[in-house]
């Protein structure tokens, strides 16, 4: 590649702004909380399947 190439990967990406970093951090926190909720729901579902109340 030469210096004037416009193909992807020829130049480094622009650094994120502080606002973009904050938004990314907020989405990461939301995703982490959501993953934890899903894990808890899966554990509860697994317990219900293994030990049904009607038995």
PDB file of N, CA and C in Angstrom:
ATOM      1  N   UNK A   1       0.839  -1.173   0.000  1.00  0.00           N
ATOM      2  CA  UNK A   1       0.000   0.000   0.000  1.00  0.00           C
ATOM      3  C   UNK A   1       0.890   1.245   0.000  1.00  0.00           C
ATOM      4  N   UNK A   2       0.436   2.208  -0.701  1.00  0.00           N
ATOM      5  CA  UNK A   2       1.183   3.452  -0.705  1.00  0.00           C
ATOM      6  C   UNK A   2       0.410   4.506   0.079  1.00  0.00           C
ATOM      7  N   UNK A   3       1.048   5.609   0.334  1.00  0.00           N
ATOM      8  CA  UNK A   3       0.495   6.610   1.238  1.00  0.00           C
ATOM      9  C   UNK A   3      -0.851   7.167   0.784  1.00  0.00           C
ATOM     10  N   UNK A   4      -1.093   7.264  -0.509  1.00  0.00           N
ATOM     11  CA  UNK A   4      -2.315   7.854  -1.018  1.00  0.00           C
ATOM     12  C   UNK A   4      -3.447   6.867  -1.201  1.00  0.00           C
ATOM     13  N   UNK A   5      -3.273   5.623  -0.786  1.00  0.00           N
ATOM     14  CA  UNK A   5      -4.297   4.609  -0.989  1.00  0.00           C
ATOM     15  C   UNK A   5      -5.538   4.910  -0.162  1.00  0.00           C
ATOM     16  N   UNK A   6      -6.684   4.729  -0.776  1.00  0.00           N
ATOM     17  CA  UNK A   6      -7.948   4.980  -0.079  1.00  0.00           C
ATOM     18  C   UNK A   6      -8.652   3.690   0.321  1.00  0.00           C
ATOM     19  N   UNK A   7      -7.986   2.571   0.186  1.00  0.00           N
ATOM     20  CA  UNK A   7      -8.605   1.308   0.545  1.00  0.00           C
ATOM     21  C   UNK A   7      -8.751   1.216   2.062  1.00  0.00           C
ATOM     22  N   UNK A   8      -9.737   0.464   2.528  1.00  0.00           N
ATOM     23  CA  UNK A   8      -9.920   0.323   3.974  1.00  0.00           C
ATOM     24  C   UNK A   8      -8.666  -0.252   4.630  1.00  0.00           C
ATOM     25  N   UNK A   9      -8.355   0.263   5.777  1.00  0.00           N
ATOM     26  CA  UNK A   9      -7.198  -0.224   6.504  1.00  0.00           C
ATOM     27  C   UNK A   9      -5.926   0.516   6.155  1.00  0.00           C
ATOM     28  N   UNK A  10      -6.004   1.431   5.206  1.00  0.00           N
ATOM     29  CA  UNK A  10      -4.820   2.165   4.812  1.00  0.00           C
ATOM     30  C   UNK A  10      -4.488   3.243   5.838  1.00  0.00           C
ATOM     31  N   UNK A  11      -5.499   3.703   6.565  1.00  0.00           N
ATOM     32  CA  UNK A  11      -5.298   4.768   7.551  1.00  0.00           C
ATOM     33  C   UNK A  11      -5.839   4.316   8.887  1.00  0.00           C
ATOM     34  N   UNK A  12      -5.256   4.847   9.937  1.00  0.00           N
ATOM     35  CA  UNK A  12      -5.757   4.531  11.271  1.00  0.00           C
ATOM     36  C   UNK A  12      -7.127   5.171  11.460  1.00  0.00           C
ATOM     37  N   UNK A  13      -8.005   4.535  12.220  1.00  0.00           N
ATOM     38  CA  UNK A  13      -9.317   5.145  12.472  1.00  0.00           C
ATOM     39  C   UNK A  13      -9.163   6.363  13.381  1.00  0.00           C
ATOM     40  N   UNK A  14     -10.107   7.274  13.263  1.00  0.00           N
ATOM     41  CA  UNK A  14     -10.085   8.456  14.123  1.00  0.00           C
ATOM     42  C   UNK A  14     -10.378   8.022  15.555  1.00  0.00           C
ATOM     43  N   UNK A  15      -9.715   8.619  16.534  1.00  0.00           N
ATOM     44  CA  UNK A  15     -10.025   8.277  17.924  1.00  0.00           C
ATOM     45  C   UNK A  15     -11.442   8.730  18.282  1.00  0.00           C
ATOM     46  N   UNK A  16     -12.047   8.017  19.198  1.00  0.00           N
ATOM     47  CA  UNK A  16     -13.405   8.369  19.620  1.00  0.00           C
ATOM     48  C   UNK A  16     -13.389   9.632  20.462  1.00  0.00           C
ATOM     49  N   UNK A  17     -14.472  10.394  20.355  1.00  0.00           N
ATOM     50  CA  UNK A  17     -14.600  11.584  21.192  1.00  0.00           C
ATOM     51  C   UNK A  17     -15.033  11.144  22.590  1.00  0.00           C
ATOM     52  N   UNK A  18     -14.954  12.072  23.540  1.00  0.00           N
ATOM     53  CA  UNK A  18     -15.361  11.744  24.913  1.00  0.00           C
ATOM     54  C   UNK A  18     -16.841  11.393  24.972  1.00  0.00           C
ATOM     55  N   UNK A  19     -17.647  12.067  24.159  1.00  0.00           N
ATOM     56  CA  UNK A  19     -19.081  11.762  24.129  1.00  0.00           C
ATOM     57  C   UNK A  19     -19.302  10.343  23.613  1.00  0.00           C
ATOM     58  N   UNK A  20     -18.597   9.977  22.543  1.00  0.00           N
ATOM     59  CA  UNK A  20     -18.741   8.635  21.997  1.00  0.00           C
ATOM     60  C   UNK A  20     -18.272   7.594  23.004  1.00  0.00           C
ATOM     61  N   UNK A  21     -17.205   7.886  23.730  1.00  0.00           N
ATOM     62  CA  UNK A  21     -16.713   6.958  24.752  1.00  0.00           C
ATOM     63  C   UNK A  21     -17.740   6.771  25.866  1.00  0.00           C
ATOM     64  N   UNK A  22     -18.376   7.872  26.300  1.00  0.00           N
ATOM     65  CA  UNK A  22     -19.410   7.781  27.342  1.00  0.00           C
ATOM     66  C   UNK A  22     -20.582   6.943  26.857  1.00  0.00           C
ATOM     67  N   UNK A  23     -21.009   7.169  25.598  1.00  0.00           N
ATOM     68  CA  UNK A  23     -22.127   6.397  25.045  1.00  0.00           C
ATOM     69  C   UNK A  23     -21.766   4.918  24.949  1.00  0.00           C
ATOM     70  N   UNK A  24     -20.551   4.635  24.538  1.00  0.00           N
ATOM     71  CA  UNK A  24     -20.101   3.257  24.432  1.00  0.00           C
ATOM     72  C   UNK A  24     -20.059   2.599  25.810  1.00  0.00           C
ATOM     73  N   UNK A  25     -19.591   3.335  26.809  1.00  0.00           N
ATOM     74  CA  UNK A  25     -19.542   2.817  28.178  1.00  0.00           C
ATOM     75  C   UNK A  25     -20.950   2.534  28.696  1.00  0.00           C
ATOM     76  N   UNK A  26     -21.888   3.432  28.399  1.00  0.00           N
ATOM     77  CA  UNK A  26     -23.274   3.238  28.846  1.00  0.00           C
ATOM     78  C   UNK A  26     -23.878   1.996  28.188  1.00  0.00           C
ATOM     79  N   UNK A  27     -23.627   1.802  26.898  1.00  0.00           N
ATOM     80  CA  UNK A  27     -24.143   0.603  26.221  1.00  0.00           C
ATOM     81  C   UNK A  27     -23.505  -0.660  26.779  1.00  0.00           C
ATOM     82  N   UNK A  28     -22.234  -0.581  27.127  1.00  0.00           N
ATOM     83  CA  UNK A  28     -21.540  -1.724  27.700  1.00  0.00           C
ATOM     84  C   UNK A  28     -22.134  -2.091  29.061  1.00  0.00           C
ATOM     85  N   UNK A  29     -22.396  -1.084  29.879  1.00  0.00           N
ATOM     86  CA  UNK A  29     -23.009  -1.340  31.189  1.00  0.00           C
ATOM     87  C   UNK A  29     -24.398  -1.963  31.020  1.00  0.00           C
ATOM     88  N   UNK A  30     -25.192  -1.422  30.081  1.00  0.00           N
ATOM     89  CA  UNK A  30     -26.533  -1.959  29.853  1.00  0.00           C
ATOM     90  C   UNK A  30     -26.442  -3.409  29.397  1.00  0.00           C
ATOM     91  N   UNK A  31     -25.509  -3.687  28.486  1.00  0.00           N
ATOM     92  CA  UNK A  31     -25.356  -5.047  27.975  1.00  0.00           C
ATOM     93  C   UNK A  31     -24.925  -5.997  29.091  1.00  0.00           C
ATOM     94  N   UNK A  32     -24.033  -5.538  29.962  1.00  0.00           N
ATOM     95  CA  UNK A  32     -23.579  -6.379  31.070  1.00  0.00           C
ATOM     96  C   UNK A  32     -24.739  -6.707  32.009  1.00  0.00           C
ATOM     97  N   UNK A  33     -25.564  -5.704  32.304  1.00  0.00           N
ATOM     98  CA  UNK A  33     -26.728  -5.935  33.166  1.00  0.00           C
ATOM     99  C   UNK A  33     -27.700  -6.905  32.498  1.00  0.00           C
ATOM    100  N   UNK A  34     -27.901  -6.736  31.213  1.00  0.00           N
ATOM    101  CA  UNK A  34     -28.830  -7.608  30.479  1.00  0.00           C
ATOM    102  C   UNK A  34     -28.329  -9.047  30.462  1.00  0.00           C
ATOM    103  N   UNK A  35     -27.028  -9.226  30.264  1.00  0.00           N
ATOM    104  CA  UNK A  35     -26.445 -10.566  30.279  1.00  0.00           C
ATOM    105  C   UNK A  35     -26.657 -11.211  31.640  1.00  0.00           C
ATOM    106  N   UNK A  36     -26.481 -10.446  32.704  1.00  0.00           N
ATOM    107  CA  UNK A  36     -26.679 -10.991  34.054  1.00  0.00           C
ATOM    108  C   UNK A  36     -28.143 -11.379  34.264  1.00  0.00           C
ATOM    109  N   UNK A  37     -29.086 -10.557  33.775  1.00  0.00           N
ATOM    110  CA  UNK A  37     -30.508 -10.893  33.894  1.00  0.00           C
ATOM    111  C   UNK A  37     -30.810 -12.203  33.163  1.00  0.00           C
ATOM    112  N   UNK A  38     -30.247 -12.357  31.982  1.00  0.00           N
ATOM    113  CA  UNK A  38     -30.483 -13.570  31.193  1.00  0.00           C
ATOM    114  C   UNK A  38     -29.900 -14.785  31.898  1.00  0.00           C
ATOM    115  N   UNK A  39     -28.723 -14.654  32.473  1.00  0.00           N
ATOM    116  CA  UNK A  39     -28.117 -15.777  33.212  1.00  0.00           C
ATOM    117  C   UNK A  39     -28.984 -16.187  34.396  1.00  0.00           C
ATOM    118  N   UNK A  40     -29.508 -15.202  35.120  1.00  0.00           N
ATOM    119  CA  UNK A  40     -30.366 -15.511  36.256  1.00  0.00           C
ATOM    120  C   UNK A  40     -31.639 -16.207  35.787  1.00  0.00           C
ATOM    121  N   UNK A  41     -32.210 -15.746  34.695  1.00  0.00           N
ATOM    122  CA  UNK A  41     -33.421 -16.371  34.166  1.00  0.00           C
ATOM    123  C   UNK A  41     -33.136 -17.801  33.718  1.00  0.00           C
ATOM    124  N   UNK A  42     -31.980 -18.023  33.110  1.00  0.00           N
ATOM    125  CA  UNK A  42     -31.623 -19.376  32.685  1.00  0.00           C
ATOM    126  C   UNK A  42     -31.446 -20.294  33.889  1.00  0.00           C
ATOM    127  N   UNK A  43     -30.830 -19.801  34.954  1.00  0.00           N
ATOM    128  CA  UNK A  43     -30.658 -20.605  36.166  1.00  0.00           C
ATOM    129  C   UNK A  43     -32.021 -20.956  36.766  1.00  0.00           C
ATOM    130  N   UNK A  44     -32.904 -20.007  36.831  1.00  0.00           N
ATOM    131  CA  UNK A  44     -34.241 -20.252  37.366  1.00  0.00           C
ATOM    132  C   UNK A  44     -34.969 -21.276  36.503  1.00  0.00           C
ATOM    133  N   UNK A  45     -34.860 -21.137  35.205  1.00  0.00           N
ATOM    134  CA  UNK A  45     -35.503 -22.073  34.280  1.00  0.00           C
ATOM    135  C   UNK A  45     -34.925 -23.480  34.463  1.00  0.00           C
ATOM    136  N   UNK A  46     -33.620 -23.557  34.642  1.00  0.00           N
ATOM    137  CA  UNK A  46     -32.981 -24.858  34.827  1.00  0.00           C
ATOM    138  C   UNK A  46     -33.470 -25.515  36.123  1.00  0.00           C
ATOM    139  N   UNK A  47     -33.609 -24.726  37.185  1.00  0.00           N
ATOM    140  CA  UNK A  47     -34.101 -25.261  38.462  1.00  0.00           C
ATOM    141  C   UNK A  47     -35.527 -25.771  38.317  1.00  0.00           C
ATOM    142  N   UNK A  48     -36.359 -25.051  37.594  1.00  0.00           N
ATOM    143  CA  UNK A  48     -37.750 -25.453  37.398  1.00  0.00           C
ATOM    144  C   UNK A  48     -37.818 -26.748  36.624  1.00  0.00           C
ATOM    145  N   UNK A  49     -36.971 -26.908  35.638  1.00  0.00           N
ATOM    146  CA  UNK A  49     -36.972 -28.124  34.838  1.00  0.00           C
ATOM    147  C   UNK A  49     -36.468 -29.319  35.662  1.00  0.00           C
ATOM    148  N   UNK A  50     -35.406 -29.105  36.445  1.00  0.00           N
ATOM    149  CA  UNK A  50     -34.823 -30.195  37.216  1.00  0.00           C
ATOM    150  C   UNK A  50     -35.694 -30.588  38.420  1.00  0.00           C
ATOM    151  N   UNK A  51     -36.355 -29.618  39.043  1.00  0.00           N
ATOM    152  CA  UNK A  51     -37.155 -29.896  40.225  1.00  0.00           C
ATOM    153  C   UNK A  51     -38.530 -29.252  40.082  1.00  0.00           C
ATOM    154  N   UNK A  52     -39.406 -29.830  39.306  1.00  0.00           N
ATOM    155  CA  UNK A  52     -40.732 -29.251  39.157  1.00  0.00           C
ATOM    156  C   UNK A  52     -41.498 -29.288  40.480  1.00  0.00           C
ATOM    157  N   UNK A  53     -42.336 -28.268  40.692  1.00  0.00           N
ATOM    158  CA  UNK A  53     -43.083 -28.170  41.953  1.00  0.00           C
ATOM    159  C   UNK A  53     -44.184 -29.225  42.055  1.00  0.00           C
ATOM    160  N   UNK A  54     -44.697 -29.703  40.952  1.00  0.00           N
ATOM    161  CA  UNK A  54     -45.822 -30.625  40.981  1.00  0.00           C
ATOM    162  C   UNK A  54     -45.427 -32.049  41.356  1.00  0.00           C
ATOM    163  N   UNK A  55     -44.127 -32.323  41.441  1.00  0.00           N
ATOM    164  CA  UNK A  55     -43.712 -33.681  41.803  1.00  0.00           C
ATOM    165  C   UNK A  55     -43.589 -33.779  43.309  1.00  0.00           C
TER     166      UNK A  55
END
